[in-house]
């Protein structure tokens, strides 16, 4: 009799404790889960009606889903769940006409009129990185002391040139605007 009471009481305690479990244990690290195509507003703003499938794929990347029964519909789905928080999901669907040109855009991301877009001015900059001495480790230093180290004979220095100075003058390089 005592053992059946102990068993039933322990079963009741175990069942009641398991019902109170939670998946949000404090101090446990949860990774950010990112899936699908990260479609940004800038990418959507580059889309224009009449673009070919290749042009759209260049701008947007390959679609997550090309339906076998609807080959003129491309679906882009993006899902992001920061560690243990609620999931954020965006979906965009592109429809093409019979001539495989972009016909319309549907989804939960808005398209902005081209006149409303801010013009971003971009400039290229050339950065000249100076040559530095080769850092050697302890093993390389020991090898060079014994006489087995690598000599810098394979480096060819052309006479009349200074490796610290670039061959190209900065004034010769035109500034280009990349669109």
N, C-alpha and C. Protein backbone atom coordinates (compact mmCIF):
# COMPACT_ATOMS: atom_id res chain seq x y z
N UNK A 1 0.81 -1.19 0.00
CA UNK A 1 0.00 0.00 0.00
C UNK A 1 0.86 1.26 0.00
N UNK A 2 1.93 1.22 0.83
CA UNK A 2 2.81 2.38 0.90
C UNK A 2 3.50 2.63 -0.43
N UNK A 3 3.92 1.58 -1.09
CA UNK A 3 4.64 1.76 -2.35
C UNK A 3 3.73 2.31 -3.44
N UNK A 4 2.48 1.93 -3.46
CA UNK A 4 1.56 2.47 -4.48
C UNK A 4 1.28 3.94 -4.23
N UNK A 5 1.23 4.37 -2.96
CA UNK A 5 1.03 5.77 -2.63
C UNK A 5 2.27 6.57 -3.03
N UNK A 6 3.45 6.03 -2.78
CA UNK A 6 4.70 6.71 -3.14
C UNK A 6 4.81 6.82 -4.66
N UNK A 7 4.48 5.75 -5.36
CA UNK A 7 4.54 5.78 -6.83
C UNK A 7 3.54 6.78 -7.41
N UNK A 8 2.34 6.77 -6.92
CA UNK A 8 1.33 7.69 -7.45
C UNK A 8 1.66 9.13 -7.09
N UNK A 9 2.20 9.37 -5.89
CA UNK A 9 2.58 10.72 -5.51
C UNK A 9 3.77 11.21 -6.34
N UNK A 10 4.75 10.36 -6.56
CA UNK A 10 5.90 10.76 -7.38
C UNK A 10 5.48 10.98 -8.83
N UNK A 11 4.54 10.19 -9.33
CA UNK A 11 4.02 10.39 -10.68
C UNK A 11 3.29 11.73 -10.79
N UNK A 12 2.52 12.08 -9.77
CA UNK A 12 1.80 13.36 -9.77
C UNK A 12 2.78 14.53 -9.72
N UNK A 13 3.84 14.41 -8.93
CA UNK A 13 4.84 15.47 -8.84
C UNK A 13 5.57 15.62 -10.17
N UNK A 14 5.95 14.52 -10.78
CA UNK A 14 6.67 14.57 -12.07
C UNK A 14 5.79 15.19 -13.15
N UNK A 15 4.53 14.79 -13.21
CA UNK A 15 3.62 15.35 -14.22
C UNK A 15 3.37 16.84 -13.99
N UNK A 16 3.24 17.24 -12.75
CA UNK A 16 3.00 18.67 -12.49
C UNK A 16 4.24 19.50 -12.79
N UNK A 17 5.42 18.97 -12.52
CA UNK A 17 6.64 19.72 -12.83
C UNK A 17 6.91 19.78 -14.33
N UNK A 18 6.58 18.73 -15.05
CA UNK A 18 6.82 18.75 -16.49
C UNK A 18 5.85 19.69 -17.20
N UNK A 19 4.69 19.95 -16.63
CA UNK A 19 3.74 20.87 -17.23
C UNK A 19 4.19 22.31 -17.08
N UNK A 20 5.09 22.58 -16.16
CA UNK A 20 5.57 23.94 -15.93
C UNK A 20 6.85 24.25 -16.69
N UNK A 21 7.24 23.39 -17.58
CA UNK A 21 8.50 23.62 -18.28
C UNK A 21 8.35 24.75 -19.29
N UNK A 22 9.44 25.38 -19.59
CA UNK A 22 9.46 26.47 -20.56
C UNK A 22 10.68 26.33 -21.44
N UNK A 23 10.59 26.86 -22.64
CA UNK A 23 11.74 26.80 -23.53
C UNK A 23 12.62 28.04 -23.40
N UNK A 24 12.24 28.98 -22.56
CA UNK A 24 13.02 30.20 -22.37
C UNK A 24 13.79 30.10 -21.06
N UNK A 25 14.78 29.25 -21.06
CA UNK A 25 15.61 29.08 -19.87
C UNK A 25 16.59 30.24 -19.81
N UNK A 26 16.67 30.95 -18.69
CA UNK A 26 17.58 32.09 -18.64
C UNK A 26 19.03 31.65 -18.73
N UNK A 27 19.82 32.46 -19.45
CA UNK A 27 21.24 32.19 -19.57
C UNK A 27 21.61 31.28 -20.72
N UNK A 28 20.63 30.75 -21.45
CA UNK A 28 20.92 29.87 -22.57
C UNK A 28 20.95 30.71 -23.84
N UNK A 29 22.05 30.62 -24.59
CA UNK A 29 22.19 31.39 -25.82
C UNK A 29 21.42 30.73 -26.95
N UNK A 30 20.66 31.52 -27.66
CA UNK A 30 19.94 31.03 -28.84
C UNK A 30 20.42 31.82 -30.04
N UNK A 31 20.69 31.12 -31.12
CA UNK A 31 21.23 31.76 -32.31
C UNK A 31 20.12 32.48 -33.08
N UNK A 32 20.53 33.46 -33.88
CA UNK A 32 19.62 34.12 -34.79
C UNK A 32 19.44 33.22 -36.00
N UNK A 33 18.20 32.98 -36.40
CA UNK A 33 17.91 32.11 -37.53
C UNK A 33 17.45 32.98 -38.69
N UNK A 34 18.20 32.94 -39.77
CA UNK A 34 17.89 33.72 -40.97
C UNK A 34 17.75 32.75 -42.12
N UNK A 35 16.62 32.80 -42.81
CA UNK A 35 16.37 31.88 -43.91
C UNK A 35 15.79 32.63 -45.09
N UNK A 36 16.11 32.15 -46.28
CA UNK A 36 15.52 32.71 -47.50
C UNK A 36 16.35 33.83 -48.08
N UNK A 37 15.73 34.58 -48.98
CA UNK A 37 16.37 35.69 -49.66
C UNK A 37 16.10 36.97 -48.89
N UNK A 38 17.15 37.67 -48.50
CA UNK A 38 16.99 38.96 -47.82
C UNK A 38 16.70 40.02 -48.87
N UNK A 39 15.43 40.30 -49.08
CA UNK A 39 14.99 41.26 -50.09
C UNK A 39 14.88 42.61 -49.42
N UNK A 40 15.67 43.57 -49.88
CA UNK A 40 15.66 44.90 -49.30
C UNK A 40 14.82 45.84 -50.15
N UNK A 41 14.50 46.99 -49.58
CA UNK A 41 13.71 47.98 -50.30
C UNK A 41 14.48 48.51 -51.51
N UNK A 42 15.80 48.61 -51.42
CA UNK A 42 16.60 49.08 -52.55
C UNK A 42 16.50 48.11 -53.72
N UNK A 43 16.45 46.82 -53.43
CA UNK A 43 16.33 45.83 -54.50
C UNK A 43 14.97 45.95 -55.18
N UNK A 44 13.93 46.14 -54.41
CA UNK A 44 12.59 46.27 -54.99
C UNK A 44 12.48 47.54 -55.80
N UNK A 45 13.13 48.61 -55.36
CA UNK A 45 13.08 49.87 -56.10
C UNK A 45 13.78 49.77 -57.45
N UNK A 46 14.69 48.82 -57.62
CA UNK A 46 15.38 48.66 -58.90
C UNK A 46 14.54 47.92 -59.93
N UNK A 47 13.48 47.26 -59.48
CA UNK A 47 12.64 46.50 -60.41
C UNK A 47 11.76 47.44 -61.22
N UNK A 48 11.65 47.15 -62.50
CA UNK A 48 10.81 47.92 -63.41
C UNK A 48 9.97 46.96 -64.22
N UNK A 49 8.73 47.33 -64.53
CA UNK A 49 7.92 46.48 -65.41
C UNK A 49 8.61 46.34 -66.77
N UNK A 50 8.58 45.13 -67.31
CA UNK A 50 9.21 44.87 -68.60
C UNK A 50 10.61 44.29 -68.50
N UNK A 51 11.13 44.13 -67.28
CA UNK A 51 12.45 43.53 -67.13
C UNK A 51 12.35 42.03 -67.43
N UNK A 52 13.43 41.47 -67.99
CA UNK A 52 13.45 40.04 -68.28
C UNK A 52 13.72 39.26 -67.00
N UNK A 53 13.55 37.95 -67.09
CA UNK A 53 13.80 37.11 -65.92
C UNK A 53 15.27 37.15 -65.52
N UNK A 54 16.16 37.23 -66.50
CA UNK A 54 17.60 37.31 -66.18
C UNK A 54 17.93 38.61 -65.46
N UNK A 55 17.33 39.71 -65.89
CA UNK A 55 17.58 40.99 -65.24
C UNK A 55 17.04 40.98 -63.80
N UNK A 56 15.87 40.39 -63.62
CA UNK A 56 15.29 40.31 -62.28
C UNK A 56 16.15 39.42 -61.39
N UNK A 57 16.64 38.31 -61.93
CA UNK A 57 17.49 37.41 -61.15
C UNK A 57 18.80 38.10 -60.79
N UNK A 58 19.30 38.98 -61.65
CA UNK A 58 20.53 39.72 -61.35
C UNK A 58 20.30 40.68 -60.18
N UNK A 59 19.14 41.33 -60.16
CA UNK A 59 18.85 42.31 -59.11
C UNK A 59 18.47 41.62 -57.80
N UNK A 60 17.60 40.63 -57.88
CA UNK A 60 17.00 40.03 -56.68
C UNK A 60 17.70 38.76 -56.21
N UNK A 61 18.45 38.11 -57.08
CA UNK A 61 19.00 36.80 -56.75
C UNK A 61 18.03 35.73 -57.20
N UNK A 62 18.44 34.49 -57.04
CA UNK A 62 17.56 33.40 -57.46
C UNK A 62 16.38 33.30 -56.49
N UNK A 63 15.20 33.03 -57.02
CA UNK A 63 14.03 32.96 -56.14
C UNK A 63 14.07 31.72 -55.26
N UNK A 64 13.41 31.82 -54.13
CA UNK A 64 13.34 30.69 -53.22
C UNK A 64 12.49 29.58 -53.81
N UNK A 65 11.47 29.96 -54.57
CA UNK A 65 10.56 28.97 -55.12
C UNK A 65 10.11 29.39 -56.51
N UNK A 66 10.29 28.49 -57.48
CA UNK A 66 9.68 28.63 -58.80
C UNK A 66 8.72 27.46 -58.92
N UNK A 67 7.44 27.77 -58.89
CA UNK A 67 6.41 26.74 -58.88
C UNK A 67 6.38 26.03 -60.22
N UNK A 68 6.28 24.71 -60.19
CA UNK A 68 6.24 23.92 -61.41
C UNK A 68 4.97 24.21 -62.20
N UNK A 69 3.88 24.43 -61.51
CA UNK A 69 2.60 24.67 -62.17
C UNK A 69 2.42 26.13 -62.57
N UNK A 70 3.21 27.03 -62.01
CA UNK A 70 3.16 28.46 -62.35
C UNK A 70 4.59 28.95 -62.60
N UNK A 71 5.19 28.63 -63.75
CA UNK A 71 6.59 29.01 -63.97
C UNK A 71 6.79 30.52 -64.15
N UNK A 72 5.71 31.26 -64.36
CA UNK A 72 5.82 32.71 -64.51
C UNK A 72 5.60 33.44 -63.19
N UNK A 73 5.71 32.72 -62.09
CA UNK A 73 5.59 33.33 -60.77
C UNK A 73 6.81 32.95 -59.94
N UNK A 74 7.52 33.95 -59.44
CA UNK A 74 8.68 33.73 -58.59
C UNK A 74 8.35 34.21 -57.19
N UNK A 75 8.65 33.37 -56.20
CA UNK A 75 8.39 33.71 -54.81
C UNK A 75 9.70 33.90 -54.06
N UNK A 76 9.79 35.02 -53.37
CA UNK A 76 10.92 35.32 -52.50
C UNK A 76 10.38 35.41 -51.07
N UNK A 77 10.89 34.57 -50.19
CA UNK A 77 10.46 34.55 -48.80
C UNK A 77 11.69 34.76 -47.92
N UNK A 78 11.54 35.64 -46.94
CA UNK A 78 12.63 35.90 -46.00
C UNK A 78 12.09 35.76 -44.59
N UNK A 79 12.77 35.00 -43.79
CA UNK A 79 12.36 34.76 -42.41
C UNK A 79 13.56 35.03 -41.50
N UNK A 80 13.32 35.79 -40.43
CA UNK A 80 14.38 36.11 -39.48
C UNK A 80 13.82 35.98 -38.07
N UNK A 81 14.50 35.19 -37.26
CA UNK A 81 14.09 35.01 -35.87
C UNK A 81 15.29 35.28 -34.98
N UNK A 82 15.32 36.47 -34.35
CA UNK A 82 16.42 36.74 -33.43
C UNK A 82 16.32 35.81 -32.23
N UNK A 83 17.44 35.38 -31.71
CA UNK A 83 17.55 34.38 -30.66
C UNK A 83 16.40 34.28 -29.68
N UNK A 84 15.48 33.38 -29.93
CA UNK A 84 14.40 33.08 -29.02
C UNK A 84 13.24 34.05 -29.05
N UNK A 85 13.26 35.07 -29.90
CA UNK A 85 12.17 36.04 -29.98
C UNK A 85 11.20 35.64 -31.08
N UNK A 86 10.22 36.49 -31.34
CA UNK A 86 9.23 36.20 -32.37
C UNK A 86 9.85 36.32 -33.75
N UNK A 87 9.35 35.51 -34.66
CA UNK A 87 9.87 35.46 -36.02
C UNK A 87 9.26 36.56 -36.87
N UNK A 88 10.09 37.18 -37.70
CA UNK A 88 9.66 38.20 -38.66
C UNK A 88 9.75 37.57 -40.04
N UNK A 89 8.69 37.71 -40.84
CA UNK A 89 8.69 37.08 -42.16
C UNK A 89 8.19 38.08 -43.19
N UNK A 90 8.91 38.14 -44.32
CA UNK A 90 8.51 38.99 -45.45
C UNK A 90 8.37 38.11 -46.67
N UNK A 91 7.41 38.46 -47.53
CA UNK A 91 7.16 37.68 -48.73
C UNK A 91 6.94 38.64 -49.88
N UNK A 92 7.52 38.31 -51.03
CA UNK A 92 7.29 39.08 -52.24
C UNK A 92 7.15 38.09 -53.39
N UNK A 93 6.19 38.34 -54.26
CA UNK A 93 5.94 37.48 -55.41
C UNK A 93 6.03 38.32 -56.66
N UNK A 94 6.79 37.85 -57.64
CA UNK A 94 6.94 38.54 -58.92
C UNK A 94 6.21 37.73 -59.98
N UNK A 95 5.41 38.41 -60.78
CA UNK A 95 4.65 37.76 -61.85
C UNK A 95 5.20 38.22 -63.20
N UNK A 96 5.37 37.27 -64.10
CA UNK A 96 5.86 37.55 -65.45
C UNK A 96 4.75 37.25 -66.45
N UNK A 97 4.77 37.95 -67.60
CA UNK A 97 3.79 37.67 -68.63
C UNK A 97 4.28 36.55 -69.54
N UNK A 98 3.57 36.31 -70.64
CA UNK A 98 3.90 35.21 -71.54
C UNK A 98 5.26 35.39 -72.21
N UNK A 99 5.67 36.64 -72.40
CA UNK A 99 6.97 36.90 -73.04
C UNK A 99 8.10 36.96 -72.01
N UNK A 100 7.83 36.48 -70.79
CA UNK A 100 8.81 36.42 -69.70
C UNK A 100 9.36 37.79 -69.30
N UNK A 101 8.48 38.78 -69.32
CA UNK A 101 8.80 40.13 -68.84
C UNK A 101 8.06 40.36 -67.53
N UNK A 102 8.65 41.13 -66.64
CA UNK A 102 8.04 41.40 -65.34
C UNK A 102 6.74 42.16 -65.53
N UNK A 103 5.64 41.61 -65.01
CA UNK A 103 4.33 42.23 -65.18
C UNK A 103 3.90 42.96 -63.91
N UNK A 104 3.98 42.29 -62.76
CA UNK A 104 3.55 42.95 -61.52
C UNK A 104 4.27 42.35 -60.32
N UNK A 105 4.20 43.10 -59.22
CA UNK A 105 4.85 42.72 -57.97
C UNK A 105 3.78 42.66 -56.89
N UNK A 106 3.81 41.60 -56.11
CA UNK A 106 2.84 41.44 -55.04
C UNK A 106 3.60 41.01 -53.78
N UNK A 107 3.07 41.37 -52.63
CA UNK A 107 3.71 40.95 -51.39
C UNK A 107 3.52 41.96 -50.29
N UNK A 108 4.24 41.79 -49.21
CA UNK A 108 4.08 42.68 -48.07
C UNK A 108 5.19 43.72 -47.99
N UNK A 109 5.83 44.00 -49.10
CA UNK A 109 6.83 45.07 -49.18
C UNK A 109 6.34 46.07 -50.20
N UNK A 110 6.40 47.34 -49.87
CA UNK A 110 5.84 48.34 -50.77
C UNK A 110 6.86 48.79 -51.80
N UNK A 111 6.36 49.19 -52.95
CA UNK A 111 7.22 49.75 -53.99
C UNK A 111 7.11 51.27 -53.91
N UNK A 112 8.22 51.94 -54.10
CA UNK A 112 8.27 53.39 -54.00
C UNK A 112 8.39 53.97 -55.40
N UNK A 113 7.67 55.06 -55.65
CA UNK A 113 7.78 55.72 -56.95
C UNK A 113 9.19 56.25 -57.13
N UNK A 114 9.68 56.24 -58.34
CA UNK A 114 11.07 56.64 -58.61
C UNK A 114 11.33 58.10 -58.25
N UNK A 115 10.33 58.96 -58.32
CA UNK A 115 10.54 60.36 -57.98
C UNK A 115 10.76 60.54 -56.48
N UNK A 116 10.24 59.61 -55.68
CA UNK A 116 10.38 59.71 -54.23
C UNK A 116 11.71 59.21 -53.71
N UNK A 117 12.48 58.54 -54.56
CA UNK A 117 13.73 57.95 -54.12
C UNK A 117 14.79 59.02 -53.87
N UNK A 118 15.47 58.96 -52.76
CA UNK A 118 16.58 59.89 -52.56
C UNK A 118 17.77 59.49 -53.43
N UNK A 119 18.42 60.47 -54.00
CA UNK A 119 19.58 60.22 -54.85
C UNK A 119 20.82 60.15 -53.97
N UNK A 120 21.46 59.02 -54.00
CA UNK A 120 22.67 58.81 -53.21
C UNK A 120 23.87 59.02 -54.11
N UNK A 121 24.76 59.91 -53.69
CA UNK A 121 25.95 60.19 -54.47
C UNK A 121 27.09 59.31 -53.97
N UNK A 122 27.65 58.52 -54.86
CA UNK A 122 28.73 57.61 -54.48
C UNK A 122 30.01 58.02 -55.17
N UNK A 123 31.10 57.84 -54.47
CA UNK A 123 32.41 58.14 -55.04
C UNK A 123 33.34 56.97 -54.75
N UNK A 124 34.17 56.66 -55.73
CA UNK A 124 35.18 55.64 -55.54
C UNK A 124 36.41 56.27 -54.91
N UNK A 125 37.04 55.54 -54.04
CA UNK A 125 38.29 56.01 -53.45
C UNK A 125 39.32 54.92 -53.64
N UNK A 126 40.51 55.32 -54.03
CA UNK A 126 41.62 54.39 -54.16
C UNK A 126 42.46 54.48 -52.89
N UNK A 127 42.67 53.36 -52.29
CA UNK A 127 43.46 53.29 -51.07
C UNK A 127 44.77 52.60 -51.41
N UNK A 128 45.86 53.26 -51.10
CA UNK A 128 47.18 52.71 -51.37
C UNK A 128 47.72 52.14 -50.06
N UNK A 129 47.97 50.85 -50.06
CA UNK A 129 48.45 50.17 -48.87
C UNK A 129 49.97 50.05 -48.97
N UNK A 130 50.71 50.61 -48.03
CA UNK A 130 52.17 50.52 -48.10
C UNK A 130 52.64 49.10 -47.79
N UNK A 131 53.77 48.74 -48.39
CA UNK A 131 54.36 47.44 -48.12
C UNK A 131 54.97 47.44 -46.73
N UNK A 132 54.85 46.33 -46.04
CA UNK A 132 55.40 46.22 -44.70
C UNK A 132 56.38 45.06 -44.65
N UNK A 133 57.14 45.02 -43.59
CA UNK A 133 58.09 43.93 -43.39
C UNK A 133 57.33 42.64 -43.13
N UNK A 134 57.91 41.55 -43.57
CA UNK A 134 57.31 40.24 -43.38
C UNK A 134 57.49 39.83 -41.93
N UNK A 135 56.39 39.50 -41.26
CA UNK A 135 56.46 39.04 -39.88
C UNK A 135 56.82 37.56 -39.88
N UNK A 136 57.84 37.23 -39.12
CA UNK A 136 58.25 35.83 -39.03
C UNK A 136 58.01 35.34 -37.62
N UNK A 137 57.65 34.09 -37.52
CA UNK A 137 57.41 33.48 -36.22
C UNK A 137 58.68 32.87 -35.65
N UNK A 138 58.54 32.26 -34.51
CA UNK A 138 59.66 31.65 -33.81
C UNK A 138 60.25 30.51 -34.62
N UNK A 139 59.41 29.68 -35.20
CA UNK A 139 59.87 28.54 -35.98
C UNK A 139 60.68 29.00 -37.21
N UNK A 140 60.21 30.04 -37.88
CA UNK A 140 60.93 30.55 -39.05
C UNK A 140 62.27 31.16 -38.64
N UNK A 141 62.30 31.83 -37.50
CA UNK A 141 63.56 32.41 -37.03
C UNK A 141 64.57 31.32 -36.68
N UNK A 142 64.10 30.23 -36.06
CA UNK A 142 65.00 29.12 -35.74
C UNK A 142 65.52 28.46 -37.01
N UNK A 143 64.67 28.30 -38.01
CA UNK A 143 65.11 27.71 -39.28
C UNK A 143 66.16 28.59 -39.95
N UNK A 144 65.98 29.90 -39.89
CA UNK A 144 66.96 30.78 -40.52
C UNK A 144 68.28 30.78 -39.75
N UNK A 145 68.26 30.58 -38.43
CA UNK A 145 69.49 30.50 -37.65
C UNK A 145 70.28 29.24 -38.00
N UNK A 146 69.58 28.15 -38.26
CA UNK A 146 70.24 26.89 -38.61
C UNK A 146 70.69 26.92 -40.06
N UNK A 147 70.08 27.76 -40.87
CA UNK A 147 70.45 27.84 -42.28
C UNK A 147 69.43 27.20 -43.20
N UNK A 148 68.29 26.84 -42.67
CA UNK A 148 67.25 26.22 -43.48
C UNK A 148 66.13 27.19 -43.82
N UNK A 149 66.27 28.43 -43.42
CA UNK A 149 65.21 29.41 -43.62
C UNK A 149 65.07 29.81 -45.08
N UNK A 150 63.91 30.37 -45.39
CA UNK A 150 63.65 30.84 -46.74
C UNK A 150 64.34 32.18 -46.95
N UNK A 151 65.11 32.25 -48.02
CA UNK A 151 65.69 33.53 -48.39
C UNK A 151 64.68 34.27 -49.25
N UNK A 152 64.79 35.56 -49.28
CA UNK A 152 63.88 36.36 -50.09
C UNK A 152 64.38 36.48 -51.51
N UNK A 153 64.93 35.38 -52.07
CA UNK A 153 65.44 35.41 -53.43
C UNK A 153 64.31 35.39 -54.45
N UNK A 154 63.14 34.87 -54.06
CA UNK A 154 62.05 34.78 -55.02
C UNK A 154 61.35 36.11 -55.24
N UNK A 155 61.67 37.12 -54.44
CA UNK A 155 61.09 38.44 -54.63
C UNK A 155 61.95 39.21 -55.62
N UNK A 156 61.32 39.63 -56.68
CA UNK A 156 62.05 40.34 -57.73
C UNK A 156 61.77 41.83 -57.62
N UNK A 157 62.82 42.60 -57.42
CA UNK A 157 62.68 44.04 -57.34
C UNK A 157 63.23 44.63 -58.63
N UNK A 158 62.40 45.37 -59.33
CA UNK A 158 62.80 45.98 -60.59
C UNK A 158 63.53 47.27 -60.26
N UNK A 159 64.69 47.43 -60.87
CA UNK A 159 65.49 48.62 -60.60
C UNK A 159 64.76 49.86 -61.10
N UNK A 160 64.91 50.92 -60.36
CA UNK A 160 64.28 52.17 -60.75
C UNK A 160 62.88 52.32 -60.19
N UNK A 161 62.40 51.32 -59.48
CA UNK A 161 61.07 51.43 -58.88
C UNK A 161 61.20 51.33 -57.38
N UNK A 162 60.34 52.01 -56.72
CA UNK A 162 60.30 51.97 -55.27
C UNK A 162 59.02 51.24 -54.87
N UNK A 163 59.12 50.08 -54.19
CA UNK A 163 57.91 49.34 -53.85
C UNK A 163 56.98 50.11 -52.92
N UNK A 164 57.51 51.11 -52.23
CA UNK A 164 56.66 51.89 -51.34
C UNK A 164 55.83 52.90 -52.11
N UNK A 165 56.22 53.23 -53.34
CA UNK A 165 55.47 54.19 -54.15
C UNK A 165 54.69 53.45 -55.22
N UNK A 166 53.44 53.77 -55.41
CA UNK A 166 52.68 53.11 -56.48
C UNK A 166 53.07 53.64 -57.84
N UNK A 167 52.82 52.81 -58.87
CA UNK A 167 53.12 53.21 -60.24
C UNK A 167 52.13 54.24 -60.76
N UNK A 168 50.94 54.28 -60.20
CA UNK A 168 49.88 55.13 -60.71
C UNK A 168 49.78 56.37 -59.84
N UNK A 169 49.72 57.51 -60.49
CA UNK A 169 49.53 58.76 -59.79
C UNK A 169 48.04 58.92 -59.50
N UNK A 170 47.70 59.42 -58.32
CA UNK A 170 46.29 59.55 -57.95
C UNK A 170 45.55 60.52 -58.86
N UNK A 171 46.26 61.47 -59.46
CA UNK A 171 45.60 62.43 -60.33
C UNK A 171 45.23 61.80 -61.67
N UNK A 172 45.86 60.68 -62.03
CA UNK A 172 45.55 60.03 -63.29
C UNK A 172 44.27 59.20 -63.20
N UNK A 173 43.85 58.84 -62.00
CA UNK A 173 42.68 57.99 -61.84
C UNK A 173 41.45 58.88 -61.77
N UNK A 174 40.53 58.75 -62.73
CA UNK A 174 39.33 59.59 -62.70
C UNK A 174 38.34 59.07 -61.65
N UNK A 175 37.59 59.99 -61.06
CA UNK A 175 36.53 59.60 -60.14
C UNK A 175 35.34 59.16 -60.97
N UNK A 176 34.78 58.02 -60.60
CA UNK A 176 33.64 57.49 -61.33
C UNK A 176 32.45 57.41 -60.39
N UNK A 177 31.29 57.69 -60.92
CA UNK A 177 30.05 57.50 -60.17
C UNK A 177 29.49 56.15 -60.56
N UNK A 178 29.26 55.32 -59.59
CA UNK A 178 28.68 54.00 -59.84
C UNK A 178 27.20 54.09 -59.54
N UNK A 179 26.42 53.72 -60.47
CA UNK A 179 24.96 53.76 -60.30
C UNK A 179 24.44 52.40 -60.01
